[in-house]
Amino acid sequence: MEEKEPIERGLQEHQLHPDDIDYVVSTHGHSDHLGNNNLFLRAKRHIVGTNISHRNRYYVHDFDAGK
């Protein structure tokens, strides 16, 4: 969903701002699951399915291996 207000409201209820979030996890890369990831541009990591991005680097991670 691309409505950022509910996300921002939810964060505010816990005295948080999008810049306070270090890890953003999305189950998969469909646009309805990634639409507001741009709120978290200061996050250390964005994890989408088995893909991890850190700044301008992208990795495929084998989560099933228990790492």
PDB file of N, CA and C in Angstrom:
ATOM      1  N   MET A   1       0.839  -1.180   0.000  1.00  0.00           N
ATOM      2  CA  MET A   1       0.000   0.000   0.000  1.00  0.00           C
ATOM      3  C   MET A   1       0.880   1.239   0.000  1.00  0.00           C
ATOM      4  N   GLU A   2       0.514   2.240  -0.738  1.00  0.00           N
ATOM      5  CA  GLU A   2       1.349   3.413  -0.867  1.00  0.00           C
ATOM      6  C   GLU A   2       0.854   4.580  -0.021  1.00  0.00           C
ATOM      7  N   GLU A   3       0.201   4.314   1.070  1.00  0.00           N
ATOM      8  CA  GLU A   3      -0.256   5.374   1.955  1.00  0.00           C
ATOM      9  C   GLU A   3       0.734   5.503   3.096  1.00  0.00           C
ATOM     10  N   LYS A   4       1.501   6.581   3.103  1.00  0.00           N
ATOM     11  CA  LYS A   4       2.538   6.724   4.107  1.00  0.00           C
ATOM     12  C   LYS A   4       2.007   7.204   5.456  1.00  0.00           C
ATOM     13  N   GLU A   5       0.878   7.874   5.488  1.00  0.00           N
ATOM     14  CA  GLU A   5       0.367   8.431   6.749  1.00  0.00           C
ATOM     15  C   GLU A   5       0.149   7.379   7.836  1.00  0.00           C
ATOM     16  N   PRO A   6      -0.466   6.213   7.524  1.00  0.00           N
ATOM     17  CA  PRO A   6      -0.643   5.209   8.590  1.00  0.00           C
ATOM     18  C   PRO A   6       0.694   4.705   9.148  1.00  0.00           C
ATOM     19  N   ILE A   7       1.687   4.613   8.303  1.00  0.00           N
ATOM     20  CA  ILE A   7       3.004   4.170   8.775  1.00  0.00           C
ATOM     21  C   ILE A   7       3.615   5.230   9.681  1.00  0.00           C
ATOM     22  N   GLU A   8       3.569   6.472   9.239  1.00  0.00           N
ATOM     23  CA  GLU A   8       4.122   7.557  10.051  1.00  0.00           C
ATOM     24  C   GLU A   8       3.373   7.691  11.376  1.00  0.00           C
ATOM     25  N   ARG A   9       2.061   7.542  11.353  1.00  0.00           N
ATOM     26  CA  ARG A   9       1.261   7.606  12.590  1.00  0.00           C
ATOM     27  C   ARG A   9       1.649   6.486  13.543  1.00  0.00           C
ATOM     28  N   GLY A  10       1.798   5.269  12.996  1.00  0.00           N
ATOM     29  CA  GLY A  10       2.191   4.130  13.821  1.00  0.00           C
ATOM     30  C   GLY A  10       3.548   4.331  14.461  1.00  0.00           C
ATOM     31  N   LEU A  11       4.478   4.879  13.709  1.00  0.00           N
ATOM     32  CA  LEU A  11       5.799   5.169  14.271  1.00  0.00           C
ATOM     33  C   LEU A  11       5.702   6.227  15.369  1.00  0.00           C
ATOM     34  N   GLN A  12       4.934   7.282  15.121  1.00  0.00           N
ATOM     35  CA  GLN A  12       4.777   8.360  16.091  1.00  0.00           C
ATOM     36  C   GLN A  12       4.188   7.850  17.403  1.00  0.00           C
ATOM     37  N   GLU A  13       3.286   6.885  17.327  1.00  0.00           N
ATOM     38  CA  GLU A  13       2.690   6.321  18.543  1.00  0.00           C
ATOM     39  C   GLU A  13       3.751   5.688  19.442  1.00  0.00           C
ATOM     40  N   HIS A  14       4.890   5.330  18.852  1.00  0.00           N
ATOM     41  CA  HIS A  14       5.991   4.727  19.609  1.00  0.00           C
ATOM     42  C   HIS A  14       7.182   5.674  19.699  1.00  0.00           C
ATOM     43  N   GLN A  15       6.897   6.981  19.497  1.00  0.00           N
ATOM     44  CA  GLN A  15       7.917   8.023  19.544  1.00  0.00           C
ATOM     45  C   GLN A  15       9.087   7.734  18.599  1.00  0.00           C
ATOM     46  N   LEU A  16       8.764   7.259  17.407  1.00  0.00           N
ATOM     47  CA  LEU A  16       9.768   6.941  16.400  1.00  0.00           C
ATOM     48  C   LEU A  16       9.551   7.776  15.147  1.00  0.00           C
ATOM     49  N   HIS A  17      10.618   7.941  14.399  1.00  0.00           N
ATOM     50  CA  HIS A  17      10.617   8.637  13.113  1.00  0.00           C
ATOM     51  C   HIS A  17      11.198   7.652  12.094  1.00  0.00           C
ATOM     52  N   PRO A  18      10.841   7.759  10.825  1.00  0.00           N
ATOM     53  CA  PRO A  18      11.412   6.834   9.837  1.00  0.00           C
ATOM     54  C   PRO A  18      12.945   6.751   9.882  1.00  0.00           C
ATOM     55  N   ASP A  19      13.612   7.844  10.222  1.00  0.00           N
ATOM     56  CA  ASP A  19      15.077   7.829  10.305  1.00  0.00           C
ATOM     57  C   ASP A  19      15.599   6.984  11.462  1.00  0.00           C
ATOM     58  N   ASP A  20      14.738   6.611  12.401  1.00  0.00           N
ATOM     59  CA  ASP A  20      15.143   5.771  13.529  1.00  0.00           C
ATOM     60  C   ASP A  20      15.183   4.286  13.170  1.00  0.00           C
ATOM     61  N   ILE A  21      14.652   3.919  12.013  1.00  0.00           N
ATOM     62  CA  ILE A  21      14.542   2.518  11.622  1.00  0.00           C
ATOM     63  C   ILE A  21      15.833   2.059  10.952  1.00  0.00           C
ATOM     64  N   ASP A  22      16.409   0.972  11.458  1.00  0.00           N
ATOM     65  CA  ASP A  22      17.665   0.446  10.920  1.00  0.00           C
ATOM     66  C   ASP A  22      17.465  -0.641   9.870  1.00  0.00           C
ATOM     67  N   TYR A  23      16.416  -1.435  10.012  1.00  0.00           N
ATOM     68  CA  TYR A  23      16.187  -2.563   9.105  1.00  0.00           C
ATOM     69  C   TYR A  23      14.765  -2.519   8.582  1.00  0.00           C
ATOM     70  N   VAL A  24      14.623  -2.626   7.279  1.00  0.00           N
ATOM     71  CA  VAL A  24      13.319  -2.669   6.631  1.00  0.00           C
ATOM     72  C   VAL A  24      13.207  -4.041   5.973  1.00  0.00           C
ATOM     73  N   VAL A  25      12.182  -4.801   6.331  1.00  0.00           N
ATOM     74  CA  VAL A  25      12.008  -6.154   5.810  1.00  0.00           C
ATOM     75  C   VAL A  25      10.715  -6.216   5.008  1.00  0.00           C
ATOM     76  N   SER A  26      10.826  -6.627   3.762  1.00  0.00           N
ATOM     77  CA  SER A  26       9.673  -6.829   2.890  1.00  0.00           C
ATOM     78  C   SER A  26       9.680  -8.286   2.452  1.00  0.00           C
ATOM     79  N   THR A  27       8.537  -8.916   2.500  1.00  0.00           N
ATOM     80  CA  THR A  27       8.482 -10.346   2.205  1.00  0.00           C
ATOM     81  C   THR A  27       8.870 -10.673   0.774  1.00  0.00           C
ATOM     82  N   HIS A  28       8.541  -9.762  -0.164  1.00  0.00           N
ATOM     83  CA  HIS A  28       8.880  -9.974  -1.566  1.00  0.00           C
ATOM     84  C   HIS A  28       8.787  -8.639  -2.297  1.00  0.00           C
ATOM     85  N   GLY A  29       9.206  -8.635  -3.541  1.00  0.00           N
ATOM     86  CA  GLY A  29       9.368  -7.389  -4.265  1.00  0.00           C
ATOM     87  C   GLY A  29       8.168  -6.842  -5.015  1.00  0.00           C
ATOM     88  N   HIS A  30       6.971  -7.229  -4.668  1.00  0.00           N
ATOM     89  CA  HIS A  30       5.796  -6.661  -5.324  1.00  0.00           C
ATOM     90  C   HIS A  30       5.603  -5.213  -4.888  1.00  0.00           C
ATOM     91  N   SER A  31       5.166  -4.378  -5.806  1.00  0.00           N
ATOM     92  CA  SER A  31       5.054  -2.950  -5.520  1.00  0.00           C
ATOM     93  C   SER A  31       4.142  -2.645  -4.345  1.00  0.00           C
ATOM     94  N   ASP A  32       3.135  -3.473  -4.101  1.00  0.00           N
ATOM     95  CA  ASP A  32       2.242  -3.212  -2.971  1.00  0.00           C
ATOM     96  C   ASP A  32       2.906  -3.509  -1.628  1.00  0.00           C
ATOM     97  N   HIS A  33       4.083  -4.094  -1.647  1.00  0.00           N
ATOM     98  CA  HIS A  33       4.819  -4.360  -0.418  1.00  0.00           C
ATOM     99  C   HIS A  33       6.022  -3.438  -0.269  1.00  0.00           C
ATOM    100  N   LEU A  34       6.376  -2.728  -1.324  1.00  0.00           N
ATOM    101  CA  LEU A  34       7.561  -1.866  -1.308  1.00  0.00           C
ATOM    102  C   LEU A  34       7.230  -0.391  -1.445  1.00  0.00           C
ATOM    103  N   GLY A  35       5.971  -0.070  -1.600  1.00  0.00           N
ATOM    104  CA  GLY A  35       5.560   1.284  -1.947  1.00  0.00           C
ATOM    105  C   GLY A  35       6.031   2.375  -1.028  1.00  0.00           C
ATOM    106  N   ASN A  36       6.266   2.081   0.229  1.00  0.00           N
ATOM    107  CA  ASN A  36       6.696   3.113   1.164  1.00  0.00           C
ATOM    108  C   ASN A  36       8.095   2.887   1.712  1.00  0.00           C
ATOM    109  N   ASN A  37       8.844   2.000   1.124  1.00  0.00           N
ATOM    110  CA  ASN A  37      10.213   1.776   1.591  1.00  0.00           C
ATOM    111  C   ASN A  37      11.059   3.039   1.483  1.00  0.00           C
ATOM    112  N   ASN A  38      10.662   3.958   0.612  1.00  0.00           N
ATOM    113  CA  ASN A  38      11.414   5.204   0.478  1.00  0.00           C
ATOM    114  C   ASN A  38      11.300   6.098   1.716  1.00  0.00           C
ATOM    115  N   LEU A  39      10.423   5.759   2.641  1.00  0.00           N
ATOM    116  CA  LEU A  39      10.367   6.487   3.913  1.00  0.00           C
ATOM    117  C   LEU A  39      11.598   6.202   4.768  1.00  0.00           C
ATOM    118  N   PHE A  40      12.270   5.106   4.477  1.00  0.00           N
ATOM    119  CA  PHE A  40      13.344   4.627   5.338  1.00  0.00           C
ATOM    120  C   PHE A  40      14.698   4.674   4.629  1.00  0.00           C
ATOM    121  N   LEU A  41      15.008   5.817   4.043  1.00  0.00           N
ATOM    122  CA  LEU A  41      16.243   5.942   3.273  1.00  0.00           C
ATOM    123  C   LEU A  41      17.496   5.881   4.137  1.00  0.00           C
ATOM    124  N   ARG A  42      17.369   6.114   5.431  1.00  0.00           N
ATOM    125  CA  ARG A  42      18.532   6.058   6.322  1.00  0.00           C
ATOM    126  C   ARG A  42      18.712   4.701   6.989  1.00  0.00           C
ATOM    127  N   ALA A  43      17.856   3.747   6.649  1.00  0.00           N
ATOM    128  CA  ALA A  43      17.980   2.398   7.226  1.00  0.00           C
ATOM    129  C   ALA A  43      19.320   1.789   6.818  1.00  0.00           C
ATOM    130  N   LYS A  44      19.900   1.004   7.728  1.00  0.00           N
ATOM    131  CA  LYS A  44      21.166   0.339   7.446  1.00  0.00           C
ATOM    132  C   LYS A  44      21.004  -0.720   6.369  1.00  0.00           C
ATOM    133  N   ARG A  45      19.876  -1.427   6.398  1.00  0.00           N
ATOM    134  CA  ARG A  45      19.643  -2.517   5.450  1.00  0.00           C
ATOM    135  C   ARG A  45      18.174  -2.549   5.043  1.00  0.00           C
ATOM    136  N   HIS A  46      17.973  -2.871   3.775  1.00  0.00           N
ATOM    137  CA  HIS A  46      16.650  -3.178   3.248  1.00  0.00           C
ATOM    138  C   HIS A  46      16.712  -4.634   2.811  1.00  0.00           C
ATOM    139  N   ILE A  47      15.832  -5.445   3.346  1.00  0.00           N
ATOM    140  CA  ILE A  47      15.794  -6.867   3.013  1.00  0.00           C
ATOM    141  C   ILE A  47      14.489  -7.127   2.277  1.00  0.00           C
ATOM    142  N   VAL A  48      14.610  -7.672   1.068  1.00  0.00           N
ATOM    143  CA  VAL A  48      13.437  -7.984   0.248  1.00  0.00           C
ATOM    144  C   VAL A  48      13.554  -9.438  -0.165  1.00  0.00           C
ATOM    145  N   GLY A  49      12.698 -10.267   0.412  1.00  0.00           N
ATOM    146  CA  GLY A  49      12.783 -11.706   0.139  1.00  0.00           C
ATOM    147  C   GLY A  49      14.134 -12.212   0.604  1.00  0.00           C
ATOM    148  N   THR A  50      14.953 -12.657  -0.303  1.00  0.00           N
ATOM    149  CA  THR A  50      16.296 -13.128   0.053  1.00  0.00           C
ATOM    150  C   THR A  50      17.369 -12.151  -0.412  1.00  0.00           C
ATOM    151  N   ASN A  51      16.960 -10.954  -0.792  1.00  0.00           N
ATOM    152  CA  ASN A  51      17.906  -9.940  -1.259  1.00  0.00           C
ATOM    153  C   ASN A  51      18.109  -8.871  -0.201  1.00  0.00           C
ATOM    154  N   ILE A  52      19.340  -8.471  -0.012  1.00  0.00           N
ATOM    155  CA  ILE A  52      19.693  -7.438   0.953  1.00  0.00           C
ATOM    156  C   ILE A  52      20.414  -6.324   0.211  1.00  0.00           C
ATOM    157  N   SER A  53      20.020  -5.088   0.482  1.00  0.00           N
ATOM    158  CA  SER A  53      20.753  -3.973  -0.094  1.00  0.00           C
ATOM    159  C   SER A  53      21.367  -3.158   1.026  1.00  0.00           C
ATOM    160  N   HIS A  54      22.573  -2.724   0.788  1.00  0.00           N
ATOM    161  CA  HIS A  54      23.287  -1.845   1.710  1.00  0.00           C
ATOM    162  C   HIS A  54      23.944  -0.780   0.853  1.00  0.00           C
ATOM    163  N   ARG A  55      23.437   0.445   0.949  1.00  0.00           N
ATOM    164  CA  ARG A  55      23.870   1.545   0.094  1.00  0.00           C
ATOM    165  C   ARG A  55      23.736   1.136  -1.365  1.00  0.00           C
ATOM    166  N   ASN A  56      24.814   1.087  -2.118  1.00  0.00           N
ATOM    167  CA  ASN A  56      24.697   0.746  -3.537  1.00  0.00           C
ATOM    168  C   ASN A  56      25.124  -0.685  -3.834  1.00  0.00           C
ATOM    169  N   ARG A  57      25.148  -1.547  -2.816  1.00  0.00           N
ATOM    170  CA  ARG A  57      25.503  -2.951  -3.003  1.00  0.00           C
ATOM    171  C   ARG A  57      24.281  -3.831  -2.748  1.00  0.00           C
ATOM    172  N   TYR A  58      24.191  -4.911  -3.500  1.00  0.00           N
ATOM    173  CA  TYR A  58      23.057  -5.822  -3.388  1.00  0.00           C
ATOM    174  C   TYR A  58      23.573  -7.241  -3.233  1.00  0.00           C
ATOM    175  N   TYR A  59      22.980  -7.995  -2.320  1.00  0.00           N
ATOM    176  CA  TYR A  59      23.403  -9.352  -2.016  1.00  0.00           C
ATOM    177  C   TYR A  59      22.204 -10.291  -2.028  1.00  0.00           C
ATOM    178  N   VAL A  60      22.428 -11.516  -2.446  1.00  0.00           N
ATOM    179  CA  VAL A  60      21.446 -12.579  -2.283  1.00  0.00           C
ATOM    180  C   VAL A  60      21.887 -13.364  -1.069  1.00  0.00           C
ATOM    181  N   HIS A  61      20.986 -13.536  -0.103  1.00  0.00           N
ATOM    182  CA  HIS A  61      21.335 -14.193   1.164  1.00  0.00           C
ATOM    183  C   HIS A  61      20.520 -15.476   1.324  1.00  0.00           C
ATOM    184  N   ASP A  62      21.174 -16.523   1.750  1.00  0.00           N
ATOM    185  CA  ASP A  62      20.497 -17.800   1.971  1.00  0.00           C
ATOM    186  C   ASP A  62      20.000 -17.870   3.422  1.00  0.00           C
ATOM    187  N   PHE A  63      18.818 -17.309   3.662  1.00  0.00           N
ATOM    188  CA  PHE A  63      18.261 -17.307   5.002  1.00  0.00           C
ATOM    189  C   PHE A  63      17.955 -18.723   5.497  1.00  0.00           C
ATOM    190  N   ASP A  64      17.671 -19.636   4.575  1.00  0.00           N
ATOM    191  CA  ASP A  64      17.380 -21.019   4.959  1.00  0.00           C
ATOM    192  C   ASP A  64      18.573 -21.696   5.604  1.00  0.00           C
ATOM    193  N   ALA A  65      19.765 -21.192   5.374  1.00  0.00           N
ATOM    194  CA  ALA A  65      20.971 -21.777   5.958  1.00  0.00           C
ATOM    195  C   ALA A  65      21.134 -21.389   7.434  1.00  0.00           C
ATOM    196  N   GLY A  66      20.237 -20.559   7.933  1.00  0.00           N
ATOM    197  CA  GLY A  66      20.272 -20.180   9.341  1.00  0.00           C
ATOM    198  C   GLY A  66      21.277 -19.093   9.675  1.00  0.00           C
ATOM    199  N   LYS A  67      21.741 -18.379   8.691  1.00  0.00           N
ATOM    200  CA  LYS A  67      22.703 -17.298   8.913  1.00  0.00           C
ATOM    201  C   LYS A  67      21.998 -16.036   9.342  1.00  0.00           C
TER     202      LYS A  67
END
